[in-house]
């Protein structure tokens, strides 16, 4: 029984490690493309990227909805000068 539990734990950590590695690689590519700085998340953390765009400091990071079926969401933080407007970002369709 202990061997089964140990195998499950090791397998789960390996899967988390692969997912985290992929997310870190994506954020590192964003940092390189924007001449920014990436802080990798490792196995249990989440990555972030800081860069400047047209004189505005930008922070790109990820947060989790939490709970049993948690979903990761991407957040983009920066100062928005228009207080009565909302900005939404959508992927470009080709």
C-alpha atoms as a PDB file:
ATOM      1  CA  UNK A   1       0.000   0.000   0.000  1.00  0.00           C
ATOM      2  CA  UNK A   2       2.810   2.424   0.863  1.00  0.00           C
ATOM      3  CA  UNK A   3       4.445   1.715  -2.506  1.00  0.00           C
ATOM      4  CA  UNK A   4       1.190   2.558  -4.330  1.00  0.00           C
ATOM      5  CA  UNK A   5       0.788   5.849  -2.430  1.00  0.00           C
ATOM      6  CA  UNK A   6       4.443   6.724  -2.977  1.00  0.00           C
ATOM      7  CA  UNK A   7       4.080   5.961  -6.697  1.00  0.00           C
ATOM      8  CA  UNK A   8       1.016   8.193  -6.915  1.00  0.00           C
ATOM      9  CA  UNK A   9       2.800  11.078  -5.175  1.00  0.00           C
ATOM     10  CA  UNK A  10       5.873  10.781  -7.387  1.00  0.00           C
ATOM     11  CA  UNK A  11       3.696  10.557 -10.507  1.00  0.00           C
ATOM     12  CA  UNK A  12       1.674  13.614  -9.465  1.00  0.00           C
ATOM     13  CA  UNK A  13       4.818  15.655  -8.854  1.00  0.00           C
ATOM     14  CA  UNK A  14       6.181  14.619 -12.267  1.00  0.00           C
ATOM     15  CA  UNK A  15       2.970  15.767 -14.007  1.00  0.00           C
ATOM     16  CA  UNK A  16       2.957  19.061 -12.081  1.00  0.00           C
ATOM     17  CA  UNK A  17       6.601  19.539 -12.963  1.00  0.00           C
ATOM     18  CA  UNK A  18       5.937  19.103 -16.696  1.00  0.00           C
ATOM     19  CA  UNK A  19       2.984  21.512 -16.654  1.00  0.00           C
ATOM     20  CA  UNK A  20       4.958  24.070 -14.659  1.00  0.00           C
ATOM     21  CA  UNK A  21       7.935  23.727 -16.992  1.00  0.00           C
ATOM     22  CA  UNK A  22       5.730  24.425 -20.014  1.00  0.00           C
ATOM     23  CA  UNK A  23       4.177  27.501 -18.376  1.00  0.00           C
ATOM     24  CA  UNK A  24       7.629  28.773 -17.356  1.00  0.00           C
ATOM     25  CA  UNK A  25       8.863  28.340 -20.957  1.00  0.00           C
ATOM     26  CA  UNK A  26       5.916  30.323 -22.339  1.00  0.00           C
ATOM     27  CA  UNK A  27       6.512  33.175 -19.893  1.00  0.00           C
ATOM     28  CA  UNK A  28      10.255  33.142 -20.658  1.00  0.00           C
ATOM     29  CA  UNK A  29       9.455  33.536 -24.385  1.00  0.00           C
ATOM     30  CA  UNK A  30       7.201  36.503 -23.592  1.00  0.00           C
ATOM     31  CA  UNK A  31       9.973  38.068 -21.503  1.00  0.00           C
ATOM     32  CA  UNK A  32      12.506  37.629 -24.317  1.00  0.00           C
ATOM     33  CA  UNK A  33      10.135  39.044 -26.936  1.00  0.00           C
ATOM     34  CA  UNK A  34       9.428  42.149 -24.802  1.00  0.00           C
ATOM     35  CA  UNK A  35      12.947  42.584 -23.390  1.00  0.00           C
ATOM     36  CA  UNK A  36      11.502  41.874 -19.963  1.00  0.00           C
ATOM     37  CA  UNK A  37      12.300  39.875 -16.860  1.00  0.00           C
ATOM     38  CA  UNK A  38      10.725  36.498 -16.099  1.00  0.00           C
ATOM     39  CA  UNK A  39      10.396  35.018 -12.642  1.00  0.00           C
ATOM     40  CA  UNK A  40       9.769  31.301 -13.084  1.00  0.00           C
ATOM     41  CA  UNK A  41       7.278  29.549 -10.864  1.00  0.00           C
ATOM     42  CA  UNK A  42       8.926  26.181 -10.436  1.00  0.00           C
ATOM     43  CA  UNK A  43       6.785  23.162  -9.533  1.00  0.00           C
ATOM     44  CA  UNK A  44       4.478  24.797  -6.986  1.00  0.00           C
ATOM     45  CA  UNK A  45       4.635  28.510  -7.914  1.00  0.00           C
ATOM     46  CA  UNK A  46       3.428  30.494 -10.894  1.00  0.00           C
ATOM     47  CA  UNK A  47       5.600  32.503 -13.286  1.00  0.00           C
ATOM     48  CA  UNK A  48       5.402  36.230 -13.943  1.00  0.00           C
ATOM     49  CA  UNK A  49       6.897  38.644 -16.460  1.00  0.00           C
ATOM     50  CA  UNK A  50       7.689  42.325 -16.014  1.00  0.00           C
ATOM     51  CA  UNK A  51       8.394  44.575 -18.993  1.00  0.00           C
ATOM     52  CA  UNK A  52       7.870  48.125 -20.224  1.00  0.00           C
ATOM     53  CA  UNK A  53       5.637  48.922 -23.182  1.00  0.00           C
ATOM     54  CA  UNK A  54       5.647  52.487 -24.536  1.00  0.00           C
ATOM     55  CA  UNK A  55       6.828  53.787 -21.183  1.00  0.00           C
ATOM     56  CA  UNK A  56       4.224  51.861 -19.160  1.00  0.00           C
ATOM     57  CA  UNK A  57       5.304  49.160 -16.691  1.00  0.00           C
ATOM     58  CA  UNK A  58       3.482  45.873 -17.286  1.00  0.00           C
ATOM     59  CA  UNK A  59       3.128  42.791 -15.077  1.00  0.00           C
ATOM     60  CA  UNK A  60       1.891  39.554 -16.628  1.00  0.00           C
ATOM     61  CA  UNK A  61       1.094  36.725 -14.241  1.00  0.00           C
ATOM     62  CA  UNK A  62      -1.252  33.816 -13.559  1.00  0.00           C
ATOM     63  CA  UNK A  63      -3.781  33.189 -10.819  1.00  0.00           C
ATOM     64  CA  UNK A  64      -5.874  30.179  -9.896  1.00  0.00           C
ATOM     65  CA  UNK A  65      -9.601  30.031  -9.250  1.00  0.00           C
ATOM     66  CA  UNK A  66      -8.780  27.588  -6.443  1.00  0.00           C
ATOM     67  CA  UNK A  67     -10.953  24.740  -5.326  1.00  0.00           C
ATOM     68  CA  UNK A  68     -11.128  21.138  -6.437  1.00  0.00           C
ATOM     69  CA  UNK A  69     -11.280  21.920 -10.178  1.00  0.00           C
ATOM     70  CA  UNK A  70      -9.042  24.976 -10.228  1.00  0.00           C
ATOM     71  CA  UNK A  71      -8.570  26.894 -13.468  1.00  0.00           C
ATOM     72  CA  UNK A  72      -5.563  29.097 -14.241  1.00  0.00           C
ATOM     73  CA  UNK A  73      -6.216  32.597 -15.574  1.00  0.00           C
ATOM     74  CA  UNK A  74      -3.741  35.041 -17.084  1.00  0.00           C
ATOM     75  CA  UNK A  75      -3.645  38.557 -15.636  1.00  0.00           C
ATOM     76  CA  UNK A  76      -2.123  41.676 -17.195  1.00  0.00           C
ATOM     77  CA  UNK A  77      -1.536  44.558 -14.743  1.00  0.00           C
ATOM     78  CA  UNK A  78      -0.771  48.158 -15.697  1.00  0.00           C
ATOM     79  CA  UNK A  79      -1.970  51.702 -15.007  1.00  0.00           C
ATOM     80  CA  UNK A  80      -4.989  52.523 -17.131  1.00  0.00           C
ATOM     81  CA  UNK A  81      -5.507  56.295 -17.384  1.00  0.00           C
ATOM     82  CA  UNK A  82      -9.210  56.240 -18.287  1.00  0.00           C
ATOM     83  CA  UNK A  83     -11.209  55.448 -15.144  1.00  0.00           C
ATOM     84  CA  UNK A  84     -14.530  55.227 -17.001  1.00  0.00           C
ATOM     85  CA  UNK A  85     -13.311  52.658 -19.557  1.00  0.00           C
ATOM     86  CA  UNK A  86     -12.625  48.938 -19.267  1.00  0.00           C
ATOM     87  CA  UNK A  87      -9.961  47.130 -21.267  1.00  0.00           C
ATOM     88  CA  UNK A  88     -10.486  43.590 -22.518  1.00  0.00           C
ATOM     89  CA  UNK A  89      -7.809  41.616 -24.331  1.00  0.00           C
ATOM     90  CA  UNK A  90      -8.698  38.824 -26.745  1.00  0.00           C
ATOM     91  CA  UNK A  91      -6.476  36.534 -28.824  1.00  0.00           C
ATOM     92  CA  UNK A  92      -5.960  37.608 -32.410  1.00  0.00           C
ATOM     93  CA  UNK A  93      -7.780  35.360 -34.863  1.00  0.00           C
ATOM     94  CA  UNK A  94      -5.941  34.607 -38.102  1.00  0.00           C
END
